[in-house]
Amino acid sequence: MSTFLAAFVVLLLFFLLMSVGYIIKRKAVAGSCGGLGAIGIDKACDCDEPCDNRKAKMAKAEEEARNERLTQNRII
């Protein structure tokens, strides 16, 4: 029982120190490998046709990029 209690205390101390570090730095926890984007995969699924939510996000991003280009190239 004492081994279990010692392991639990060590684990609890580890989580406490991690949370203190997170609170102090205010930096989001992130992976080190870059995820799927690092290997050139744009989306997590293998479907040929994107879903409706993805289509809406892509259309919105395209519209925002278009508006940005129009703003930058404005003559007047």
N, C-alpha and C. Protein backbone atom coordinates (compact mmCIF):
# COMPACT_ATOMS: atom_id res chain seq x y z
N MET A 1 0.82 -1.19 0.00
CA MET A 1 0.00 0.00 0.00
C MET A 1 0.87 1.25 0.00
N SER A 2 2.00 1.19 0.68
CA SER A 2 2.87 2.37 0.75
C SER A 2 3.48 2.68 -0.63
N THR A 3 3.73 1.65 -1.44
CA THR A 3 4.26 1.86 -2.79
C THR A 3 3.22 2.56 -3.66
N PHE A 4 1.98 2.13 -3.54
CA PHE A 4 0.90 2.76 -4.30
C PHE A 4 0.74 4.21 -3.87
N LEU A 5 0.77 4.48 -2.61
CA LEU A 5 0.62 5.83 -2.09
C LEU A 5 1.78 6.71 -2.54
N ALA A 6 3.00 6.19 -2.52
CA ALA A 6 4.17 6.96 -2.97
C ALA A 6 4.07 7.27 -4.46
N ALA A 7 3.66 6.30 -5.25
CA ALA A 7 3.51 6.52 -6.69
C ALA A 7 2.42 7.55 -6.97
N PHE A 8 1.34 7.48 -6.23
CA PHE A 8 0.25 8.43 -6.40
C PHE A 8 0.70 9.84 -6.05
N VAL A 9 1.47 10.00 -4.98
CA VAL A 9 1.96 11.31 -4.57
C VAL A 9 2.92 11.87 -5.62
N VAL A 10 3.80 11.03 -6.14
CA VAL A 10 4.73 11.48 -7.18
C VAL A 10 3.97 11.92 -8.43
N LEU A 11 2.99 11.17 -8.84
CA LEU A 11 2.19 11.52 -10.00
C LEU A 11 1.41 12.82 -9.75
N LEU A 12 0.86 12.96 -8.59
CA LEU A 12 0.13 14.18 -8.23
C LEU A 12 1.06 15.39 -8.22
N LEU A 13 2.25 15.22 -7.71
CA LEU A 13 3.24 16.29 -7.70
C LEU A 13 3.63 16.68 -9.12
N PHE A 14 3.79 15.68 -9.99
CA PHE A 14 4.11 15.93 -11.39
C PHE A 14 3.02 16.77 -12.06
N PHE A 15 1.77 16.40 -11.88
CA PHE A 15 0.66 17.17 -12.46
C PHE A 15 0.58 18.57 -11.88
N LEU A 16 0.84 18.72 -10.61
CA LEU A 16 0.82 20.02 -9.96
C LEU A 16 1.90 20.93 -10.55
N LEU A 17 3.10 20.41 -10.73
CA LEU A 17 4.19 21.21 -11.31
C LEU A 17 3.90 21.57 -12.76
N MET A 18 3.30 20.66 -13.51
CA MET A 18 2.93 20.97 -14.90
C MET A 18 1.89 22.07 -14.95
N SER A 19 0.92 22.03 -14.06
CA SER A 19 -0.13 23.05 -14.06
C SER A 19 0.43 24.40 -13.63
N VAL A 20 1.36 24.43 -12.71
CA VAL A 20 1.98 25.69 -12.30
C VAL A 20 2.76 26.28 -13.48
N GLY A 21 3.49 25.44 -14.20
CA GLY A 21 4.22 25.91 -15.37
C GLY A 21 3.29 26.46 -16.43
N TYR A 22 2.16 25.82 -16.62
CA TYR A 22 1.18 26.29 -17.61
C TYR A 22 0.60 27.64 -17.18
N ILE A 23 0.29 27.77 -15.91
CA ILE A 23 -0.29 29.02 -15.40
C ILE A 23 0.71 30.17 -15.52
N ILE A 24 1.96 29.92 -15.23
CA ILE A 24 2.98 30.97 -15.27
C ILE A 24 3.28 31.40 -16.71
N LYS A 25 3.46 30.46 -17.62
CA LYS A 25 3.83 30.80 -19.00
C LYS A 25 2.65 31.26 -19.85
N ARG A 26 1.44 30.81 -19.52
CA ARG A 26 0.24 31.14 -20.31
C ARG A 26 0.41 30.73 -21.77
N LYS A 27 1.08 29.62 -21.98
CA LYS A 27 1.32 29.12 -23.34
C LYS A 27 0.54 27.83 -23.51
N ALA A 28 -0.14 27.70 -24.63
CA ALA A 28 -0.94 26.51 -24.89
C ALA A 28 -0.04 25.29 -25.03
N VAL A 29 -0.53 24.17 -24.59
CA VAL A 29 0.19 22.91 -24.73
C VAL A 29 0.13 22.51 -26.21
N ALA A 30 1.29 22.19 -26.78
CA ALA A 30 1.35 21.86 -28.21
C ALA A 30 2.23 20.63 -28.41
N GLY A 31 1.95 19.93 -29.47
CA GLY A 31 2.77 18.78 -29.81
C GLY A 31 4.09 19.20 -30.40
N SER A 32 5.01 18.29 -30.47
CA SER A 32 6.34 18.63 -30.98
C SER A 32 6.52 18.25 -32.45
N CYS A 33 5.65 17.43 -33.00
CA CYS A 33 5.89 16.92 -34.35
C CYS A 33 5.18 17.73 -35.44
N GLY A 34 4.24 18.57 -35.09
CA GLY A 34 3.55 19.35 -36.10
C GLY A 34 2.27 18.71 -36.60
N GLY A 35 1.98 17.52 -36.19
CA GLY A 35 0.74 16.86 -36.56
C GLY A 35 0.69 16.45 -38.02
N LEU A 36 -0.50 16.32 -38.55
CA LEU A 36 -0.68 15.87 -39.93
C LEU A 36 -0.20 16.89 -40.94
N GLY A 37 -0.22 18.16 -40.58
CA GLY A 37 0.24 19.19 -41.50
C GLY A 37 1.71 19.06 -41.83
N ALA A 38 2.50 18.48 -40.94
CA ALA A 38 3.93 18.33 -41.17
C ALA A 38 4.24 17.32 -42.28
N ILE A 39 3.33 16.41 -42.53
CA ILE A 39 3.57 15.42 -43.57
C ILE A 39 2.73 15.68 -44.82
N GLY A 40 2.09 16.84 -44.87
CA GLY A 40 1.39 17.24 -46.08
C GLY A 40 -0.06 16.82 -46.18
N ILE A 41 -0.65 16.37 -45.09
CA ILE A 41 -2.07 15.98 -45.11
C ILE A 41 -2.89 17.18 -44.65
N ASP A 42 -3.80 17.62 -45.52
CA ASP A 42 -4.59 18.81 -45.23
C ASP A 42 -5.74 18.52 -44.28
N LYS A 43 -6.30 17.32 -44.35
CA LYS A 43 -7.45 16.99 -43.51
C LYS A 43 -7.28 15.59 -42.95
N ALA A 44 -8.01 15.28 -41.91
CA ALA A 44 -7.83 14.00 -41.21
C ALA A 44 -8.53 12.84 -41.92
N CYS A 45 -9.55 13.12 -42.70
CA CYS A 45 -10.28 12.02 -43.35
C CYS A 45 -9.73 11.79 -44.76
N ASP A 46 -10.04 10.63 -45.32
CA ASP A 46 -9.59 10.29 -46.67
C ASP A 46 -10.68 10.47 -47.72
N CYS A 47 -11.74 11.16 -47.40
CA CYS A 47 -12.85 11.28 -48.35
C CYS A 47 -12.45 12.19 -49.52
N ASP A 48 -12.99 11.89 -50.69
CA ASP A 48 -12.70 12.69 -51.88
C ASP A 48 -13.40 14.03 -51.85
N GLU A 49 -14.61 14.04 -51.37
CA GLU A 49 -15.44 15.24 -51.31
C GLU A 49 -15.47 15.76 -49.87
N PRO A 50 -15.08 17.03 -49.65
CA PRO A 50 -15.12 17.55 -48.28
C PRO A 50 -16.56 17.68 -47.76
N CYS A 51 -16.70 17.62 -46.45
CA CYS A 51 -18.03 17.73 -45.85
C CYS A 51 -18.53 19.17 -45.93
N ASP A 52 -19.79 19.38 -45.59
CA ASP A 52 -20.40 20.70 -45.71
C ASP A 52 -19.72 21.73 -44.82
N ASN A 53 -19.35 21.34 -43.60
CA ASN A 53 -18.67 22.28 -42.71
C ASN A 53 -17.33 22.72 -43.29
N ARG A 54 -16.60 21.77 -43.84
CA ARG A 54 -15.30 22.08 -44.44
C ARG A 54 -15.48 22.97 -45.67
N LYS A 55 -16.50 22.69 -46.48
CA LYS A 55 -16.77 23.54 -47.65
C LYS A 55 -17.07 24.97 -47.22
N ALA A 56 -17.85 25.12 -46.14
CA ALA A 56 -18.19 26.45 -45.64
C ALA A 56 -16.94 27.17 -45.15
N LYS A 57 -16.07 26.47 -44.44
CA LYS A 57 -14.83 27.09 -43.95
C LYS A 57 -13.93 27.49 -45.11
N MET A 58 -13.85 26.63 -46.13
CA MET A 58 -13.01 26.94 -47.29
C MET A 58 -13.56 28.14 -48.05
N ALA A 59 -14.88 28.23 -48.19
CA ALA A 59 -15.49 29.35 -48.88
C ALA A 59 -15.26 30.65 -48.11
N LYS A 60 -15.38 30.57 -46.79
CA LYS A 60 -15.17 31.76 -45.96
C LYS A 60 -13.72 32.24 -46.05
N ALA A 61 -12.78 31.30 -46.01
CA ALA A 61 -11.37 31.66 -46.11
C ALA A 61 -11.06 32.26 -47.48
N GLU A 62 -11.66 31.71 -48.52
CA GLU A 62 -11.46 32.24 -49.87
C GLU A 62 -12.03 33.65 -49.99
N GLU A 63 -13.19 33.87 -49.41
CA GLU A 63 -13.82 35.19 -49.45
C GLU A 63 -12.98 36.21 -48.69
N GLU A 64 -12.45 35.81 -47.53
CA GLU A 64 -11.61 36.72 -46.75
C GLU A 64 -10.32 37.05 -47.50
N ALA A 65 -9.74 36.06 -48.17
CA ALA A 65 -8.53 36.30 -48.96
C ALA A 65 -8.84 37.24 -50.12
N ARG A 66 -9.97 37.05 -50.76
CA ARG A 66 -10.38 37.92 -51.87
C ARG A 66 -10.57 39.35 -51.39
N ASN A 67 -11.25 39.51 -50.26
CA ASN A 67 -11.46 40.86 -49.71
C ASN A 67 -10.14 41.51 -49.33
N GLU A 68 -9.20 40.74 -48.80
CA GLU A 68 -7.89 41.27 -48.44
C GLU A 68 -7.14 41.74 -49.69
N ARG A 69 -7.21 40.93 -50.76
CA ARG A 69 -6.55 41.33 -52.01
C ARG A 69 -7.19 42.59 -52.57
N LEU A 70 -8.51 42.68 -52.52
CA LEU A 70 -9.19 43.88 -53.02
C LEU A 70 -8.82 45.11 -52.21
N THR A 71 -8.67 44.95 -50.91
CA THR A 71 -8.31 46.06 -50.04
C THR A 71 -6.88 46.52 -50.35
N GLN A 72 -5.98 45.58 -50.56
CA GLN A 72 -4.59 45.92 -50.85
C GLN A 72 -4.42 46.59 -52.21
N ASN A 73 -5.24 46.20 -53.17
CA ASN A 73 -5.09 46.72 -54.53
C ASN A 73 -6.09 47.83 -54.85
N ARG A 74 -6.65 48.44 -53.85
CA ARG A 74 -7.61 49.52 -54.05
C ARG A 74 -6.89 50.73 -54.62
N ILE A 75 -7.49 51.34 -55.64
CA ILE A 75 -6.90 52.49 -56.31
C ILE A 75 -7.25 53.77 -55.56
N ILE A 76 -8.46 53.90 -55.16
CA ILE A 76 -8.92 55.13 -54.52
C ILE A 76 -8.71 55.06 -53.03
